[in-house]
Amino acid sequence: MKLDFIGDIHGCLHELKEMLSTLNYKYIDGKWTHPDNRKLVFIGDLTDRGPDSVGVIELVSSLTENNIAYYVPGNHCDKLYRYFLGRNIVISHGLETTVEELENLDRRTYKKVRARFMKLFEGSPLYHELDEGNIVAAHAGIREDYIGRHDKKVKTFVLYGDITGEKEPNGSPVRRDWAKKYNGESWIVYGHTPVTKPRMLNRTINIDTGCVFGGALTAFKYPEKELISVPSTMPFVQEKFREFEENEL
């Protein structure tokens, strides 16, 4: 099984299109294809903060509808889904940029985008076990003993990471470094926590290299275990990135 995992996009449509071209995916006669029958795996957080969240929804939906891509939701995807359901949520942390895009659409286009995203979200699992379980896609990662479970505790972990309930001085949630303790056989590909370069540790790899914060959009090729990065066109915001002392790359 040949897979290309793509990190958090956050509305960066230009970089996503460049990545697809770099990875040799082509749109021919109304259908996405790859000459080597590779498949994409999107690890969540398609929208918010970036310049074209609606365009990313449309493109990723098209790829999944053509059965050339897998998708798992991120916490921003989950919040957008609750927004579309009409739930009482706080429109913040980037969602306001997506909502502004949606409010500028005509009613017919809005309904189409909403329906497409709802279908994408509702048709996705919390995490994907691929290549007979040898590799797992989970937005914020997953503990070894959680693989195979789909309860509320697992949902919180895969969407938000190993949170403690406390806050950092900047207001972001305190997250335990679950990858340091991971000793499973399956590879875990995740994102959620922006890093300046992909972090590989104990058969886990974080490929969220902060495209929307001026870093890069990163892809992880499997089984080759190669990394491909497309530089961001967004302004660089250093404080949005987390640094780790240990890194196998």
Protein backbone atom coordinates (compact mmCIF):
# COMPACT_ATOMS: atom_id res chain seq x y z
CA MET A 1 0.00 0.00 0.00
CA LYS A 2 1.47 3.33 -1.12
CA LEU A 3 0.31 6.33 0.90
CA ASP A 4 1.02 10.04 1.10
CA PHE A 5 0.04 11.58 4.44
CA ILE A 6 -0.50 15.36 4.43
CA GLY A 7 -0.32 17.52 7.56
CA ASP A 8 -2.67 20.22 8.82
CA ILE A 9 -3.72 22.44 5.88
CA HIS A 10 -5.78 25.14 7.68
CA GLY A 11 -7.13 26.75 4.54
CA CYS A 12 -3.80 26.96 2.69
CA LEU A 13 -5.18 25.92 -0.71
CA HIS A 14 -2.21 27.20 -2.73
CA GLU A 15 0.25 25.04 -0.80
CA LEU A 16 -2.07 22.02 -1.00
CA LYS A 17 -2.29 22.29 -4.79
CA GLU A 18 1.47 22.66 -5.01
CA MET A 19 1.89 19.57 -2.82
CA LEU A 20 -0.45 17.50 -5.00
CA SER A 21 1.54 18.51 -8.06
CA THR A 22 4.84 17.70 -6.32
CA LEU A 23 3.51 14.27 -5.36
CA ASN A 24 2.40 13.72 -8.99
CA TYR A 25 -1.37 13.64 -8.45
CA LYS A 26 -3.28 14.76 -11.52
CA TYR A 27 -6.84 15.83 -12.31
CA ILE A 28 -7.75 14.34 -15.70
CA ASP A 29 -11.20 14.17 -17.28
CA GLY A 30 -12.96 15.07 -14.04
CA LYS A 31 -11.12 12.52 -11.91
CA TRP A 32 -8.04 12.55 -9.64
CA THR A 33 -5.43 9.90 -10.37
CA HIS A 34 -1.85 8.91 -9.54
CA PRO A 35 0.29 6.92 -12.00
CA ASP A 36 1.54 4.63 -9.20
CA ASN A 37 -1.92 4.17 -7.63
CA ARG A 38 -0.89 6.00 -4.49
CA LYS A 39 -3.49 7.33 -2.05
CA LEU A 40 -3.56 10.47 0.06
CA VAL A 41 -4.26 10.55 3.78
CA PHE A 42 -5.40 13.86 5.29
CA ILE A 43 -4.87 14.05 9.04
CA GLY A 44 -7.42 16.73 9.85
CA ASP A 45 -7.71 20.49 10.38
CA LEU A 46 -8.53 21.32 6.79
CA THR A 47 -9.93 24.74 7.65
CA ASP A 48 -9.54 27.92 9.75
CA ARG A 49 -6.92 30.69 9.87
CA GLY A 50 -5.79 30.33 6.24
CA PRO A 51 -7.02 32.21 3.16
CA ASP A 52 -9.22 29.59 1.44
CA SER A 53 -10.87 27.07 3.74
CA VAL A 54 -13.84 26.64 1.38
CA GLY A 55 -11.48 25.77 -1.48
CA VAL A 56 -9.72 23.18 0.70
CA ILE A 57 -13.06 21.60 1.65
CA GLU A 58 -14.01 21.34 -2.02
CA LEU A 59 -10.65 19.86 -3.07
CA VAL A 60 -10.33 17.31 -0.26
CA SER A 61 -13.97 16.29 -0.72
CA SER A 62 -13.33 15.74 -4.43
CA LEU A 63 -10.28 13.59 -3.67
CA THR A 64 -12.16 11.41 -1.18
CA GLU A 65 -15.16 11.10 -3.49
CA ASN A 66 -12.78 9.80 -6.17
CA ASN A 67 -11.53 7.19 -3.67
CA ILE A 68 -7.98 8.49 -3.97
CA ALA A 69 -7.85 9.89 -0.42
CA TYR A 70 -8.59 9.00 3.20
CA TYR A 71 -9.48 11.62 5.78
CA VAL A 72 -9.66 11.81 9.56
CA PRO A 73 -11.09 14.84 11.39
CA GLY A 74 -9.15 17.30 13.50
CA ASN A 75 -10.42 19.47 16.32
CA HIS A 76 -11.05 22.37 13.92
CA CYS A 77 -13.03 20.04 11.65
CA ASP A 78 -15.08 18.90 14.64
CA LYS A 79 -15.84 22.50 15.61
CA LEU A 80 -16.87 23.43 12.06
CA TYR A 81 -19.16 20.40 12.00
CA ARG A 82 -20.83 21.56 15.23
CA TYR A 83 -21.16 25.05 13.72
CA PHE A 84 -22.94 23.58 10.69
CA LEU A 85 -25.26 21.68 13.05
CA GLY A 86 -26.24 25.00 14.62
CA ARG A 87 -24.72 24.24 18.00
CA ASN A 88 -23.96 27.08 20.41
CA ILE A 89 -20.19 27.41 19.97
CA VAL A 90 -17.69 30.24 20.36
CA ILE A 91 -16.53 31.39 16.93
CA SER A 92 -12.82 31.86 17.67
CA HIS A 93 -9.35 30.31 17.26
CA GLY A 94 -9.55 30.64 13.48
CA LEU A 95 -13.12 29.53 12.91
CA GLU A 96 -14.06 33.18 12.37
CA THR A 97 -12.05 33.19 9.11
CA THR A 98 -13.97 30.18 7.78
CA VAL A 99 -17.31 31.61 8.88
CA GLU A 100 -16.51 34.86 7.06
CA GLU A 101 -15.81 32.90 3.87
CA LEU A 102 -19.05 30.98 4.25
CA GLU A 103 -21.09 34.13 4.87
CA ASN A 104 -19.77 35.61 1.62
CA LEU A 105 -21.13 32.69 -0.42
CA ASP A 106 -24.50 32.79 -2.12
CA ARG A 107 -27.11 30.57 -0.48
CA ARG A 108 -26.91 27.80 -3.06
CA THR A 109 -23.11 27.54 -2.86
CA TYR A 110 -23.22 27.68 0.95
CA LYS A 111 -25.64 24.74 1.07
CA LYS A 112 -23.44 22.78 -1.32
CA VAL A 113 -20.27 23.39 0.70
CA ARG A 114 -22.06 22.58 3.96
CA ALA A 115 -23.47 19.32 2.57
CA ARG A 116 -20.12 18.30 1.15
CA PHE A 117 -18.27 18.90 4.40
CA MET A 118 -20.97 17.14 6.45
CA LYS A 119 -20.70 14.10 4.17
CA LEU A 120 -16.90 14.10 4.44
CA PHE A 121 -16.94 14.45 8.24
CA GLU A 122 -19.75 11.96 8.91
CA GLY A 123 -18.14 9.37 6.63
CA SER A 124 -14.81 9.47 8.41
CA PRO A 125 -13.58 7.38 11.35
CA LEU A 126 -11.88 8.95 14.38
CA TYR A 127 -8.62 7.48 13.07
CA HIS A 128 -7.60 5.25 10.17
CA GLU A 129 -5.78 1.93 10.54
CA LEU A 130 -4.11 1.37 7.17
CA ASP A 131 -1.89 -1.23 5.52
CA GLU A 132 -3.36 -3.98 7.73
CA GLY A 133 -2.80 -1.89 10.83
CA ASN A 134 0.87 -1.22 10.18
CA ILE A 135 0.26 2.53 10.07
CA VAL A 136 -2.37 4.69 11.78
CA ALA A 137 -3.53 8.22 10.91
CA ALA A 138 -4.84 10.18 13.90
CA HIS A 139 -5.04 13.97 14.01
CA ALA A 140 -3.39 14.54 17.40
CA GLY A 141 -1.96 11.03 17.74
CA ILE A 142 -3.18 7.97 19.60
CA ARG A 143 -1.91 5.81 22.45
CA GLU A 144 -1.12 2.18 21.68
CA ASP A 145 -3.81 0.90 24.07
CA TYR A 146 -6.44 3.14 22.43
CA ILE A 147 -6.06 1.59 18.97
CA GLY A 148 -9.22 -0.43 18.31
CA ARG A 149 -11.35 1.70 20.65
CA HIS A 150 -13.77 4.46 19.61
CA ASP A 151 -15.15 5.76 22.90
CA LYS A 152 -15.34 9.34 24.17
CA LYS A 153 -11.91 9.23 25.82
CA VAL A 154 -10.31 8.12 22.56
CA LYS A 155 -12.17 10.82 20.62
CA THR A 156 -10.83 13.52 22.96
CA PHE A 157 -7.28 12.16 22.58
CA VAL A 158 -7.25 11.94 18.78
CA LEU A 159 -8.78 15.42 18.40
CA TYR A 160 -6.89 17.33 21.11
CA GLY A 161 -3.92 15.19 22.19
CA ASP A 162 -3.02 14.08 25.71
CA ILE A 163 -4.40 17.18 27.43
CA THR A 164 -4.21 17.74 31.19
CA GLY A 165 -7.02 20.27 31.51
CA GLU A 166 -4.53 23.00 32.43
CA LYS A 167 -3.51 26.00 30.33
CA GLU A 168 -0.12 27.30 29.18
CA PRO A 169 0.70 30.98 29.87
CA ASN A 170 -0.37 31.79 26.30
CA GLY A 171 -3.76 30.16 26.89
CA SER A 172 -3.17 26.97 24.90
CA PRO A 173 -3.90 23.63 26.57
CA VAL A 174 -1.10 21.78 28.36
CA ARG A 175 -0.40 18.55 26.46
CA ARG A 176 1.63 15.60 27.68
CA ASP A 177 4.28 14.32 25.29
CA TRP A 178 2.57 10.98 24.56
CA ALA A 179 5.02 10.11 21.74
CA LYS A 180 7.90 9.72 24.24
CA LYS A 181 6.08 6.78 25.87
CA TYR A 182 4.77 5.15 22.70
CA ASN A 183 6.22 1.68 22.11
CA GLY A 184 3.74 0.14 19.68
CA GLU A 185 4.56 -1.68 16.44
CA SER A 186 2.27 0.44 14.25
CA TRP A 187 3.49 3.73 12.85
CA ILE A 188 1.43 6.71 14.03
CA VAL A 189 1.19 9.72 11.69
CA TYR A 190 -0.28 12.81 13.31
CA GLY A 191 -0.22 16.61 13.48
CA HIS A 192 -2.12 19.13 15.65
CA THR A 193 0.98 20.55 17.39
CA PRO A 194 2.99 22.73 14.97
CA VAL A 195 6.71 21.95 14.83
CA THR A 196 9.39 23.69 12.76
CA LYS A 197 10.48 20.36 11.29
CA PRO A 198 8.81 16.92 11.28
CA ARG A 199 9.35 15.08 14.54
CA MET A 200 9.96 11.32 14.34
CA LEU A 201 10.12 9.42 17.63
CA ASN A 202 9.30 5.81 18.62
CA ARG A 203 7.53 5.01 15.30
CA THR A 204 5.48 8.20 15.51
CA ILE A 205 5.82 11.22 13.23
CA ASN A 206 4.32 14.67 13.62
CA ILE A 207 3.99 16.27 10.17
CA ASP A 208 2.20 19.49 11.18
CA THR A 209 4.94 21.92 10.21
CA GLY A 210 2.71 24.96 10.65
CA CYS A 211 1.85 25.88 7.08
CA VAL A 212 -0.69 28.49 8.20
CA PHE A 213 1.92 30.00 10.55
CA GLY A 214 4.53 30.46 7.84
CA GLY A 215 6.28 27.09 8.14
CA ALA A 216 5.56 24.48 5.48
CA LEU A 217 3.03 21.92 4.34
CA THR A 218 4.59 18.50 4.83
CA ALA A 219 3.83 15.07 3.38
CA PHE A 220 5.08 11.71 4.66
CA LYS A 221 5.48 9.04 1.96
CA TYR A 222 4.84 5.46 3.04
CA PRO A 223 6.31 2.83 2.88
CA GLU A 224 9.32 4.85 1.70
CA LYS A 225 9.27 6.96 4.91
CA GLU A 226 10.28 10.01 2.89
CA LEU A 227 9.33 13.59 3.69
CA ILE A 228 8.25 16.22 1.16
CA SER A 229 7.71 19.85 2.16
CA VAL A 230 6.21 22.82 0.34
CA PRO A 231 7.12 26.22 1.84
CA SER A 232 4.31 28.38 3.14
CA THR A 233 3.30 31.71 1.62
CA MET A 234 2.01 32.91 5.01
CA PRO A 235 3.92 35.17 7.47
CA PHE A 236 6.12 33.24 9.94
CA VAL A 237 4.88 33.30 13.55
CA GLN A 238 7.57 31.73 15.77
CA GLU A 239 5.50 31.54 18.98
CA LYS A 240 3.01 29.17 17.35
CA PHE A 241 5.60 26.39 17.08
CA ARG A 242 6.57 23.92 19.79
CA GLU A 243 10.15 22.76 20.06
CA PHE A 244 11.25 19.37 21.38
CA GLU A 245 14.73 18.42 22.56
CA GLU A 246 14.79 14.91 21.10
CA ASN A 247 14.22 14.34 17.40
CA GLU A 248 15.20 11.34 15.33
CA LEU A 249 15.21 13.23 12.03
